[in-house]
Protein backbone atom coordinates (compact mmCIF):
# COMPACT_ATOMS: atom_id res chain seq x y z
CA UNK A 1 -2.60 3.69 16.96
CA UNK A 2 -4.45 1.82 13.90
CA UNK A 3 -7.61 2.16 12.61
CA UNK A 4 -9.70 2.68 9.90
CA UNK A 5 -9.74 5.89 7.52
CA UNK A 6 -11.94 8.43 7.47
CA UNK A 7 -12.70 10.58 4.55
CA UNK A 8 -11.00 13.58 6.40
CA UNK A 9 -8.00 11.58 6.16
CA UNK A 10 -7.72 11.63 2.39
CA UNK A 11 -5.19 14.73 1.84
CA UNK A 12 -2.99 13.00 4.54
CA UNK A 13 -3.10 9.47 2.76
CA UNK A 14 -2.22 11.27 -0.52
CA UNK A 15 0.77 13.12 1.14
CA UNK A 16 1.97 9.96 2.77
CA UNK A 17 1.61 8.40 -0.50
CA UNK A 18 3.88 11.09 -2.72
CA UNK A 19 6.36 11.67 0.24
CA UNK A 20 6.55 7.47 0.12
CA UNK A 21 7.33 7.55 -3.53
CA UNK A 22 9.57 10.49 -3.99
CA UNK A 23 12.21 9.34 -1.15
CA UNK A 24 11.88 4.95 -1.82
CA UNK A 25 11.64 4.93 -5.22
CA UNK A 26 14.28 7.20 -6.79
CA UNK A 27 16.28 4.45 -6.79
CA UNK A 28 14.63 2.10 -8.78
CA UNK A 29 12.69 4.32 -11.25
CA UNK A 30 13.68 7.49 -12.77
CA UNK A 31 12.06 10.86 -11.98
CA UNK A 32 9.60 11.37 -14.93
CA UNK A 33 8.35 8.09 -14.09
CA UNK A 34 7.99 8.88 -10.42
CA UNK A 35 6.40 11.93 -11.37
CA UNK A 36 3.60 10.81 -12.76
CA UNK A 37 3.23 7.88 -10.41
CA UNK A 38 2.37 10.59 -8.17
CA UNK A 39 0.13 11.97 -9.99
CA UNK A 40 -1.79 9.61 -10.75
CA UNK A 41 -3.94 10.06 -7.54
CA UNK A 42 -5.94 12.90 -5.72
CA UNK A 43 -7.72 13.18 -2.35
CA UNK A 44 -10.39 12.76 -4.39
CA UNK A 45 -9.20 9.06 -5.12
CA UNK A 46 -9.21 8.06 -1.62
CA UNK A 47 -12.80 9.00 -1.14
CA UNK A 48 -14.36 6.22 -2.58
CA UNK A 49 -11.64 3.67 -1.70
CA UNK A 50 -12.36 4.55 2.11
CA UNK A 51 -16.54 4.23 1.47
CA UNK A 52 -15.95 1.04 -0.52
CA UNK A 53 -12.63 -0.70 0.91
CA UNK A 54 -10.54 -1.60 3.58
CA UNK A 55 -8.00 1.48 4.41
CA UNK A 56 -6.32 1.86 7.71
CA UNK A 57 -4.12 4.05 8.75
CA UNK A 58 -1.91 4.54 11.46
CA UNK A 59 -1.75 7.91 14.04
CA UNK A 60 1.16 9.16 15.89
CA UNK A 61 0.25 11.40 18.12
CA UNK A 62 -2.40 12.33 16.45
CA UNK A 63 -1.00 12.51 13.04
CA UNK A 64 -1.45 10.08 9.98
CA UNK A 65 2.21 8.56 9.33
CA UNK A 66 1.29 5.73 7.19
CA UNK A 67 -1.71 3.71 5.21
CA UNK A 68 -2.61 0.38 3.51
CA UNK A 69 -5.01 -0.08 1.48
CA UNK A 70 -7.21 -3.83 0.74
CA UNK A 71 -9.65 -4.59 -1.99
CA UNK A 72 -11.61 -7.36 -0.62
CA UNK A 73 -13.52 -8.67 -3.25
CA UNK A 74 -10.50 -8.74 -5.45
CA UNK A 75 -8.20 -10.14 -2.80
CA UNK A 76 -5.42 -7.39 -3.82
CA UNK A 77 -3.40 -5.19 -1.33
CA UNK A 78 -3.36 -1.77 -3.52
CA UNK A 79 -1.07 0.14 -1.42
CA UNK A 80 1.04 0.16 1.57
CA UNK A 81 3.31 3.32 1.98
CA UNK A 82 4.84 4.67 4.92
CA UNK A 83 5.37 8.25 5.89
CA UNK A 84 9.81 8.52 5.34
CA UNK A 85 9.50 9.66 9.11
CA UNK A 86 8.39 6.22 10.25
CA UNK A 87 10.51 4.22 7.44
CA UNK A 88 11.77 0.72 9.45
CA UNK A 89 9.92 0.74 12.46
CA UNK A 90 7.51 -2.06 11.69
CA UNK A 91 4.91 0.46 10.82
CA UNK A 92 4.23 -1.00 7.12
CA UNK A 93 4.30 -4.53 8.66
CA UNK A 94 1.55 -3.83 11.07
CA UNK A 95 -0.84 -2.61 8.60
CA UNK A 96 -0.15 -5.32 6.35
CA UNK A 97 -0.85 -7.78 8.77
CA UNK A 98 -3.91 -5.80 9.83
CA UNK A 99 -5.06 -5.98 6.28
CA UNK A 100 -4.10 -10.07 6.13
CA UNK A 101 -6.20 -10.35 9.53
CA UNK A 102 -9.24 -8.58 7.46
CA UNK A 103 -8.57 -10.50 4.80
CA UNK A 104 -8.70 -14.04 6.67
CA UNK A 105 -11.62 -13.24 8.76
CA UNK A 106 -13.86 -12.42 5.15
CA UNK A 107 -12.05 -16.34 4.31
CA UNK A 108 -9.99 -14.55 1.94
CA UNK A 109 -7.07 -17.30 1.58
CA UNK A 110 -4.71 -15.72 -0.72
CA UNK A 111 -3.82 -12.51 -1.11
CA UNK A 112 -1.97 -10.76 -4.26
CA UNK A 113 -0.46 -7.25 -4.47
CA UNK A 114 2.27 -5.65 -7.02
CA UNK A 115 5.36 -4.30 -5.49
CA UNK A 116 7.24 -1.54 -6.92
CA UNK A 117 10.93 -2.38 -7.11
CA UNK A 118 12.04 -0.85 -3.70
CA UNK A 119 9.44 -2.52 -2.01
CA UNK A 120 10.29 -6.08 -3.13
CA UNK A 121 12.44 -7.04 0.00
CA UNK A 122 9.73 -5.77 2.25
CA UNK A 123 7.17 -7.86 0.83
CA UNK A 124 9.26 -11.09 0.71
CA UNK A 125 10.27 -10.70 4.05
CA UNK A 126 6.75 -10.82 4.63
CA UNK A 127 6.05 -13.99 3.18
CA UNK A 128 4.92 -12.74 -0.65
CA UNK A 129 6.21 -14.90 -3.26
CA UNK A 130 7.18 -13.13 -6.46
CA UNK A 131 5.09 -14.34 -9.66
CA UNK A 132 5.59 -12.62 -12.36
CA UNK A 133 6.76 -8.87 -13.65
CA UNK A 134 4.16 -6.25 -15.01
CA UNK A 135 4.64 -3.23 -16.76
CA UNK A 136 2.26 -0.18 -15.66
CA UNK A 137 2.00 2.86 -17.23
CA UNK A 138 -0.07 5.64 -16.39
CA UNK A 139 1.36 8.15 -19.42
CA UNK A 140 2.16 7.15 -22.87
CA UNK A 141 5.76 8.32 -22.21
CA UNK A 142 6.37 6.13 -19.30
CA UNK A 143 6.29 2.70 -17.86
CA UNK A 144 7.11 1.81 -14.83
CA UNK A 145 7.79 -2.34 -13.77
CA UNK A 146 6.37 -3.80 -10.96
CA UNK A 147 6.51 -7.45 -9.34
CA UNK A 148 3.07 -9.26 -8.98
CA UNK A 149 3.60 -11.29 -5.47
CA UNK A 150 0.98 -13.60 -3.91
CA UNK A 151 1.05 -14.95 -0.08
CA UNK A 152 -1.33 -17.20 1.40
CA UNK A 153 -2.40 -15.96 4.73
CA UNK A 154 -2.82 -18.00 8.19
CA UNK A 155 -6.24 -17.28 9.91
CA UNK A 156 -5.84 -15.03 12.40
CA UNK A 157 -8.25 -11.84 14.38
CA UNK A 158 -8.16 -8.64 12.91
CA UNK A 159 -6.17 -5.64 15.36
CA UNK A 160 -8.75 -3.65 14.08
């Protein structure tokens, strides 16, 4: 079941993010970068996002298994993460399409995101087009490459 996130979902959201990063990013980033990436958020980080942005979660058997985050003010998809137990089952795309529909309802025509290298193909298949490589650093000793991507969204109605 897809729904808006609640503050009580923050610990689950954080754990999904960490599990997904550690599972999927290992082929594309060194271990030190992965651990810096995982440590760059806390459950409290998600409280503000849940209150001020659009954060969706997918529940299966009353457990949160995925989440997505959209900043409607900047038309930026800030996150789509799926628990490893749900990889390649369409959950990530379901969340992404729901965020797109919600953005469209707000009059947003183009979304931007920064895809980690392990997620680039997922976003390409969803219609996102690479526009630039971007480097990030959560620690002065590491720097992670991502790919900035854009997508023209179609006018639809939101699933939430």
